[in-house]
Amino acid sequence: MLPAPIQQAIKKLPKDTQAVIQAVVLFYESHYESRIQVLEARIKELEDQLCLNSKNSSKPPSSDDFNKPAPKSLRQKSDRKAGGQKGHEGTNLKMVASPDAEKRHKVEICACCGKNLQGQEPEAIQRRQVYDLPPLELIITEHQVEVKRCSCGQVNKAAFPPGINHYVQYGPNIKSLLVYMQDYQLLPYERTKEFVQDLFGHAISTGTLYNIRQLAYDQLSSFEDQLKALLSAALMAGFDETGMRVMTKRLWLHSCSTHQHAYYEVHAKRGQEAMDHIGILPDFAGVAVHDFWKSYYRYACDHGLCNAHLLRELTFIKERFEQEWADKLINLLLKMKAAKDQAFAKGKTALSQATLNRETLTNPSCGYHQVSEKT
């Protein structure tokens, strides 16, 4: 519908000109108005995508590039003072009853008159303890086996301990340390070599580091099978998948975890093909908590939506569309979690009915009047 001033201007035109103008208007309305609506919807969609980041969506932090969002905490202000709270178990150093070593520092001469006090017993002993590492050095142990020939002619030789297979080799302790530094602390080969050189004064080759990691990988095959079986039998587990670059290729890191165990595997695919190959979800019969990815719903287990992902989606709605209900639902979810954590800290396995009915957990303005004890 054209604005009134334009309609009045058209009426003042000659009859034949009015017909032409009206035909143009009809053509515009039938051919361009719907197209404009489509383009406006597309513009809005693209603007929404530009507003997405790792803080308000499932996008990984690596996708933020140089426009990383400022960190925002969803924690609510409280009246508690900063620092450790009353009853909090600290991690400060404590004196032990039986130290590994003792050093007695004696009083030998009086600082006033110079009298010799070496033979006098002390009136009191004051103690201070120091936590420290022993000198870091490689200890080389030579294993020797005896060879004896019996009178019957039989040559008898003692056996080397298990794992001692070469004339010169590294022991299990330093192998474990090197695997830990590379695979948990994520040190690359060159920095691991520097680590060994700086701490132990010993040069180690890249090939040796690779062989040590490969040996650890091979020996973990049975543990991997046991871990998968354990996670498949869990009552509840969290599942996730995130993109990563390996040798310039886009791969996917799949994870399955409980509060005690976790399994990770890199696969070229994100969806069901990878999940079937990993082999946990096909046998999983508990509650799978995940990020709504459609591939998870192909499995017959129960499903739960990850609250961390829900909070990110609500944060996006709050920031992009300024919806008040999203902020209220964020607060509700955080209060529910705080109530659950408080109940667990007291040894409870479920929230009491009184807690569930409490006004702080049942916010009518959010449209949620009941909260399940399973939440």
Protein backbone atom coordinates (compact mmCIF):
# COMPACT_ATOMS: atom_id res chain seq x y z
CA MET A 1 0.00 0.00 0.00
CA LEU A 2 1.48 3.34 -1.11
CA PRO A 3 1.64 6.25 1.33
CA ALA A 4 -1.28 8.71 1.17
CA PRO A 5 0.76 11.65 -0.28
CA ILE A 6 1.91 9.50 -3.21
CA GLN A 7 -1.65 8.27 -3.84
CA GLN A 8 -2.90 11.88 -3.94
CA ALA A 9 -0.14 12.83 -6.38
CA ILE A 10 -1.12 9.96 -8.70
CA LYS A 11 -4.78 11.11 -8.73
CA LYS A 12 -3.70 14.51 -10.05
CA LEU A 13 -2.10 12.87 -13.09
CA PRO A 14 -3.95 12.32 -16.41
CA LYS A 15 -6.09 9.18 -16.65
CA ASP A 16 -3.73 7.34 -19.00
CA THR A 17 -0.72 8.20 -16.86
CA GLN A 18 -2.53 6.96 -13.73
CA ALA A 19 -3.04 3.59 -15.40
CA VAL A 20 0.67 3.31 -16.18
CA ILE A 21 1.70 4.27 -12.67
CA GLN A 22 -0.75 1.80 -11.09
CA ALA A 23 0.57 -0.96 -13.36
CA VAL A 24 4.10 -0.18 -12.20
CA VAL A 25 2.99 -0.26 -8.56
CA LEU A 26 1.26 -3.64 -9.03
CA PHE A 27 4.35 -5.00 -10.77
CA TYR A 28 6.52 -3.81 -7.87
CA GLU A 29 4.26 -5.32 -5.22
CA SER A 30 4.06 -8.69 -6.99
CA HIS A 31 7.70 -9.06 -7.99
CA TYR A 32 9.89 -7.11 -5.56
CA GLU A 33 8.18 -6.88 -2.20
CA SER A 34 8.49 -10.62 -1.48
CA ARG A 35 12.10 -10.53 -2.68
CA ILE A 36 12.88 -7.66 -0.33
CA GLN A 37 11.40 -9.64 2.57
CA VAL A 38 13.65 -12.58 1.70
CA LEU A 39 16.70 -10.34 1.55
CA GLU A 40 15.81 -8.66 4.85
CA ALA A 41 15.51 -12.09 6.47
CA ARG A 42 18.89 -13.09 5.02
CA ILE A 43 20.50 -9.89 6.29
CA LYS A 44 19.13 -10.58 9.76
CA GLU A 45 20.46 -14.14 9.61
CA LEU A 46 23.94 -12.93 8.64
CA GLU A 47 23.90 -10.26 11.37
CA ASP A 48 22.98 -12.97 13.90
CA GLN A 49 25.90 -15.08 12.70
CA LEU A 50 28.29 -12.16 13.15
CA CYS A 51 27.15 -11.83 16.76
CA LEU A 52 27.96 -15.48 17.53
CA ASN A 53 31.18 -16.24 19.41
CA SER A 54 32.56 -18.83 21.82
CA LYS A 55 30.87 -17.11 24.78
CA ASN A 56 27.29 -17.20 23.47
CA SER A 57 27.22 -20.26 21.20
CA SER A 58 28.82 -23.65 20.60
CA LYS A 59 31.58 -22.13 18.47
CA PRO A 60 35.08 -23.03 19.72
CA PRO A 61 37.39 -20.25 21.01
CA SER A 62 39.67 -20.78 18.00
CA SER A 63 36.90 -19.42 15.73
CA ASP A 64 36.94 -16.01 17.46
CA ASP A 65 40.04 -14.94 15.46
CA PHE A 66 41.13 -11.43 16.46
CA ASN A 67 37.69 -10.34 17.65
CA LYS A 68 37.72 -12.25 20.89
CA PRO A 69 34.81 -11.26 23.15
CA ALA A 70 35.54 -9.75 26.53
CA PRO A 71 35.23 -12.35 29.27
CA LYS A 72 31.89 -12.26 31.06
CA SER A 73 31.07 -14.21 34.17
CA LEU A 74 27.56 -15.55 34.77
CA ARG A 75 28.23 -15.71 38.50
CA GLN A 76 25.93 -13.54 40.55
CA LYS A 77 27.19 -11.03 43.12
CA SER A 78 27.13 -12.19 46.71
CA ASP A 79 27.67 -10.60 50.09
CA ARG A 80 30.64 -12.86 50.85
CA LYS A 81 34.11 -11.37 51.21
CA ALA A 82 36.76 -12.08 48.60
CA GLY A 83 39.19 -14.94 49.20
CA GLY A 84 38.85 -18.29 50.93
CA GLN A 85 35.60 -18.81 52.80
CA LYS A 86 35.14 -20.10 56.32
CA GLY A 87 35.40 -23.88 56.37
CA HIS A 88 37.33 -23.96 53.08
CA GLU A 89 40.13 -26.51 53.17
CA GLY A 90 43.34 -24.69 52.27
CA THR A 91 46.40 -26.04 50.49
CA ASN A 92 49.13 -24.32 52.52
CA LEU A 93 52.24 -26.21 53.62
CA LYS A 94 52.01 -28.12 56.88
CA MET A 95 54.74 -29.50 59.11
CA VAL A 96 55.10 -33.28 59.16
CA ALA A 97 55.88 -35.44 62.16
CA SER A 98 58.53 -37.52 60.41
CA PRO A 99 60.59 -35.53 57.91
CA ASP A 100 62.78 -37.36 55.39
CA ALA A 101 65.95 -35.74 56.73
CA GLU A 102 67.00 -33.67 59.75
CA LYS A 103 69.79 -31.12 60.01
CA ARG A 104 70.83 -29.91 63.50
CA HIS A 105 72.28 -26.39 63.61
CA LYS A 106 74.28 -26.18 66.85
CA VAL A 107 75.21 -23.32 69.17
CA GLU A 108 78.94 -23.68 69.80
CA ILE A 109 80.06 -20.32 71.25
CA CYS A 110 78.27 -17.68 73.36
CA ALA A 111 77.66 -14.58 71.28
CA CYS A 112 78.24 -12.37 74.38
CA CYS A 113 81.28 -13.70 76.24
CA GLY A 114 82.70 -16.25 73.79
CA LYS A 115 82.34 -19.25 76.14
CA ASN A 116 82.49 -22.72 74.50
CA LEU A 117 78.98 -24.25 74.62
CA GLN A 118 79.60 -27.44 72.57
CA GLY A 119 79.17 -29.77 75.53
CA GLN A 120 76.02 -28.12 76.91
CA GLU A 121 72.58 -29.66 76.17
CA PRO A 122 70.08 -27.31 74.47
CA GLU A 123 67.21 -25.93 76.52
CA ALA A 124 64.82 -26.07 73.54
CA ILE A 125 64.70 -27.01 69.87
CA GLN A 126 62.95 -24.77 67.35
CA ARG A 127 61.87 -26.38 64.07
CA ARG A 128 61.36 -25.17 60.53
CA GLN A 129 60.72 -27.47 57.57
CA VAL A 130 61.57 -26.94 53.90
CA TYR A 131 59.82 -28.72 51.06
CA ASP A 132 62.20 -29.21 48.13
CA LEU A 133 63.31 -31.62 45.42
CA PRO A 134 66.43 -33.75 45.66
CA PRO A 135 69.17 -32.95 43.13
CA LEU A 136 67.81 -33.88 39.68
CA GLU A 137 70.13 -36.30 37.93
CA LEU A 138 69.89 -39.49 35.95
CA ILE A 139 70.83 -42.57 37.93
CA ILE A 140 72.46 -45.29 35.82
CA THR A 141 71.91 -48.80 37.18
CA GLU A 142 73.88 -51.68 35.72
CA HIS A 143 72.14 -55.05 35.81
CA GLN A 144 74.48 -58.05 35.91
CA VAL A 145 73.41 -61.68 35.53
CA GLU A 146 75.58 -64.58 36.53
CA VAL A 147 76.54 -67.39 34.19
CA LYS A 148 77.51 -70.72 35.79
CA ARG A 149 78.47 -74.05 34.30
CA CYS A 150 77.36 -77.13 36.21
CA SER A 151 79.59 -80.20 36.59
CA CYS A 152 77.11 -81.96 34.28
CA GLY A 153 78.04 -79.53 31.54
CA GLN A 154 74.84 -77.41 31.64
CA VAL A 155 75.41 -73.66 31.31
CA ASN A 156 73.04 -71.74 33.63
CA LYS A 157 72.33 -68.03 33.33
CA ALA A 158 70.23 -65.79 35.59
CA ALA A 159 67.42 -63.78 34.00
CA PHE A 160 67.42 -60.04 33.52
CA PRO A 161 64.43 -58.25 35.11
CA PRO A 162 61.34 -57.81 32.89
CA GLY A 163 61.71 -54.88 30.50
CA ILE A 164 65.52 -54.93 30.46
CA ASN A 165 65.87 -55.92 26.83
CA HIS A 166 68.84 -53.90 25.51
CA TYR A 167 72.46 -53.31 26.45
CA VAL A 168 71.70 -49.65 27.16
CA GLN A 169 68.18 -48.23 27.53
CA TYR A 170 65.96 -45.75 29.39
CA GLY A 171 64.05 -46.89 32.47
CA PRO A 172 60.29 -46.71 33.14
CA ASN A 173 60.44 -43.61 35.37
CA ILE A 174 61.99 -41.24 32.85
CA LYS A 175 59.85 -42.75 30.07
CA SER A 176 56.73 -41.99 32.08
CA LEU A 177 57.92 -38.43 32.74
CA LEU A 178 58.61 -37.77 29.05
CA VAL A 179 55.22 -39.13 27.94
CA TYR A 180 53.55 -37.00 30.63
CA MET A 181 55.38 -33.84 29.52
CA GLN A 182 54.52 -34.36 25.84
CA ASP A 183 50.98 -35.73 26.00
CA TYR A 184 49.60 -33.97 29.06
CA GLN A 185 51.69 -30.80 29.36
CA LEU A 186 51.77 -30.61 25.53
CA LEU A 187 55.48 -29.95 25.11
CA PRO A 188 56.64 -30.35 21.49
CA TYR A 189 59.66 -32.53 20.68
CA GLU A 190 62.26 -29.74 20.67
CA ARG A 191 61.13 -28.28 23.99
CA THR A 192 61.05 -31.76 25.54
CA LYS A 193 64.66 -32.23 24.44
CA GLU A 194 65.53 -28.88 26.03
CA PHE A 195 63.69 -29.92 29.21
CA VAL A 196 65.84 -33.08 29.54
CA GLN A 197 69.04 -31.18 28.74
CA ASP A 198 68.33 -28.35 31.20
CA LEU A 199 67.22 -30.52 34.14
CA PHE A 200 69.43 -33.58 33.74
CA GLY A 201 72.28 -32.43 31.53
CA HIS A 202 71.50 -35.24 29.13
CA ALA A 203 70.90 -35.13 25.36
CA ILE A 204 68.01 -37.19 23.97
CA SER A 205 67.05 -37.63 20.32
CA THR A 206 63.70 -36.91 18.66
CA GLY A 207 63.55 -40.52 17.44
CA THR A 208 63.87 -41.81 21.00
CA LEU A 209 61.06 -39.54 22.18
CA TYR A 210 58.86 -40.81 19.35
CA ASN A 211 59.62 -44.47 20.18
CA ILE A 212 58.85 -43.93 23.87
CA ARG A 213 55.45 -42.41 23.06
CA GLN A 214 54.67 -45.15 20.54
CA LEU A 215 55.49 -47.84 23.11
CA ALA A 216 53.16 -46.18 25.64
CA TYR A 217 50.42 -45.98 23.00
CA ASP A 218 50.73 -49.68 22.15
CA GLN A 219 50.64 -50.71 25.80
CA LEU A 220 47.43 -48.73 26.42
CA SER A 221 45.29 -50.73 23.97
CA SER A 222 43.79 -52.99 26.66
CA PHE A 223 43.20 -50.00 28.95
CA GLU A 224 41.38 -48.23 26.10
CA ASP A 225 39.01 -51.18 25.64
CA GLN A 226 38.30 -51.31 29.37
CA LEU A 227 37.67 -47.54 29.49
CA LYS A 228 35.19 -47.70 26.60
CA ALA A 229 33.33 -50.57 28.27
CA LEU A 230 33.21 -48.62 31.54
CA LEU A 231 31.83 -45.48 29.88
CA SER A 232 29.29 -47.49 27.87
CA ALA A 233 27.86 -48.81 31.13
CA ALA A 234 27.65 -45.38 32.84
CA LEU A 235 24.25 -44.12 34.01
CA MET A 236 25.05 -40.65 32.65
CA ALA A 237 27.85 -39.32 30.48
CA GLY A 238 28.69 -36.13 28.63
CA PHE A 239 29.46 -36.26 24.90
CA ASP A 240 31.00 -33.53 22.78
CA GLU A 241 32.82 -32.94 19.49
CA THR A 242 34.94 -29.98 18.52
CA GLY A 243 36.87 -29.09 15.38
CA MET A 244 40.66 -29.04 15.40
CA ARG A 245 43.51 -28.78 12.90
CA VAL A 246 45.92 -31.70 12.45
CA MET A 247 48.60 -31.21 9.78
CA THR A 248 46.44 -28.42 8.21
CA LYS A 249 43.42 -30.78 7.94
CA ARG A 250 40.12 -30.14 9.72
CA LEU A 251 39.44 -33.07 12.06
CA TRP A 252 37.09 -33.59 14.99
CA LEU A 253 37.96 -34.34 18.60
CA HIS A 254 35.24 -36.53 20.13
CA SER A 255 34.95 -36.92 23.89
CA CYS A 256 32.95 -38.93 26.39
CA SER A 257 33.27 -38.22 30.10
CA THR A 258 31.84 -38.80 33.54
CA HIS A 259 32.93 -37.19 36.80
CA GLN A 260 35.66 -39.87 37.09
CA HIS A 261 36.65 -40.98 33.59
CA ALA A 262 37.15 -39.43 30.14
CA TYR A 263 37.89 -40.72 26.65
CA TYR A 264 39.10 -38.68 23.65
CA GLU A 265 39.53 -39.69 20.02
CA VAL A 266 40.29 -37.72 16.86
CA HIS A 267 38.29 -38.64 13.74
CA ALA A 268 37.88 -37.21 10.25
CA LYS A 269 34.08 -37.11 10.66
CA ARG A 270 31.86 -35.30 13.12
CA GLY A 271 28.65 -37.36 12.98
CA GLN A 272 27.39 -40.91 13.26
CA GLU A 273 30.20 -42.51 11.26
CA ALA A 274 32.75 -41.35 13.83
CA MET A 275 30.49 -42.20 16.78
CA ASP A 276 29.95 -45.74 15.50
CA HIS A 277 33.69 -46.16 14.95
CA ILE A 278 34.52 -45.02 18.50
CA GLY A 279 32.07 -47.60 19.80
CA ILE A 280 30.71 -46.05 23.01
CA LEU A 281 27.34 -44.62 21.95
CA PRO A 282 26.12 -47.77 20.09
CA ASP A 283 26.16 -49.69 23.41
CA PHE A 284 25.32 -46.76 25.69
CA ALA A 285 22.02 -47.14 27.59
CA GLY A 286 22.22 -44.27 30.09
CA VAL A 287 21.52 -40.54 29.72
CA ALA A 288 23.68 -38.89 27.03
CA VAL A 289 24.22 -35.18 27.77
CA HIS A 290 25.28 -33.25 24.66
CA ASP A 291 24.96 -30.07 22.57
CA PHE A 292 21.82 -30.85 20.48
CA TRP A 293 23.88 -32.20 17.53
CA LYS A 294 21.44 -34.25 15.48
CA SER A 295 23.73 -37.30 15.17
CA TYR A 296 23.32 -38.04 18.90
CA TYR A 297 19.58 -38.56 18.48
CA ARG A 298 20.22 -41.52 16.18
CA TYR A 299 21.00 -43.59 19.29
CA ALA A 300 18.29 -45.17 21.43
CA CYS A 301 19.59 -43.94 24.79
CA ASP A 302 17.96 -41.15 26.82
CA HIS A 303 19.13 -37.62 26.03
CA GLY A 304 19.82 -34.52 28.08
CA LEU A 305 20.83 -31.08 26.83
CA CYS A 306 24.09 -29.68 28.20
CA ASN A 307 23.41 -26.74 30.52
CA ALA A 308 26.67 -25.05 29.48
CA HIS A 309 25.43 -24.94 25.89
CA LEU A 310 21.99 -23.77 27.03
CA LEU A 311 23.59 -20.88 28.92
CA ARG A 312 25.55 -19.87 25.81
CA GLU A 313 22.40 -19.90 23.66
CA LEU A 314 20.53 -17.86 26.26
CA THR A 315 23.44 -15.41 26.45
CA PHE A 316 23.20 -14.91 22.68
CA ILE A 317 19.44 -14.28 22.87
CA LYS A 318 19.97 -11.82 25.71
CA GLU A 319 22.77 -9.93 23.91
CA ARG A 320 21.38 -10.00 20.38
CA PHE A 321 17.64 -9.54 20.95
CA GLU A 322 17.65 -8.02 24.48
CA GLN A 323 15.07 -10.53 25.69
CA GLU A 324 14.45 -10.18 29.44
CA TRP A 325 13.18 -13.76 29.79
CA ALA A 326 16.56 -15.14 28.66
CA ASP A 327 18.35 -13.34 31.51
CA LYS A 328 15.78 -14.65 34.01
CA LEU A 329 16.19 -18.21 32.75
CA ILE A 330 19.99 -17.89 33.03
CA ASN A 331 19.59 -16.89 36.68
CA LEU A 332 17.19 -19.77 37.26
CA LEU A 333 19.60 -22.34 35.83
CA LEU A 334 22.48 -20.96 37.92
CA LYS A 335 20.35 -21.08 41.09
CA MET A 336 19.37 -24.67 40.32
CA LYS A 337 23.02 -25.65 39.94
CA ALA A 338 24.00 -23.86 43.16
CA ALA A 339 21.24 -25.69 45.03
CA LYS A 340 22.39 -29.03 43.59
CA ASP A 341 26.04 -28.37 44.52
CA GLN A 342 25.04 -27.39 48.04
CA ALA A 343 22.98 -30.57 48.43
CA PHE A 344 25.84 -32.76 47.15
CA ALA A 345 28.26 -31.07 49.56
CA LYS A 346 25.98 -32.18 52.41
CA GLY A 347 25.95 -35.78 51.15
CA LYS A 348 22.43 -35.66 49.67
CA THR A 349 21.48 -37.39 46.42
CA ALA A 350 18.38 -35.32 45.65
CA LEU A 351 16.90 -31.92 46.39
CA SER A 352 14.26 -31.74 49.11
CA GLN A 353 10.69 -30.83 48.21
CA ALA A 354 11.05 -27.67 50.27
CA THR A 355 14.01 -26.58 48.14
CA LEU A 356 12.12 -27.37 44.95
CA ASN A 357 9.17 -25.28 46.08
CA ARG A 358 11.30 -22.35 47.21
CA GLU A 359 10.55 -19.08 45.44
CA THR A 360 14.17 -18.61 44.38
CA LEU A 361 13.97 -21.79 42.32
CA THR A 362 10.45 -21.43 40.94
CA ASN A 363 10.33 -18.14 39.08
CA PRO A 364 6.85 -17.73 37.53
CA SER A 365 8.10 -14.96 35.25
CA CYS A 366 10.18 -17.54 33.37
CA GLY A 367 7.23 -19.83 32.86
CA TYR A 368 8.83 -22.61 34.93
CA HIS A 369 6.70 -23.48 37.93
CA GLN A 370 8.10 -26.93 38.66
CA VAL A 371 11.66 -28.21 38.80
CA SER A 372 12.42 -31.91 38.52
CA GLU A 373 14.64 -33.45 41.19
CA LYS A 374 16.66 -34.98 38.36
CA THR A 375 17.76 -31.50 37.23
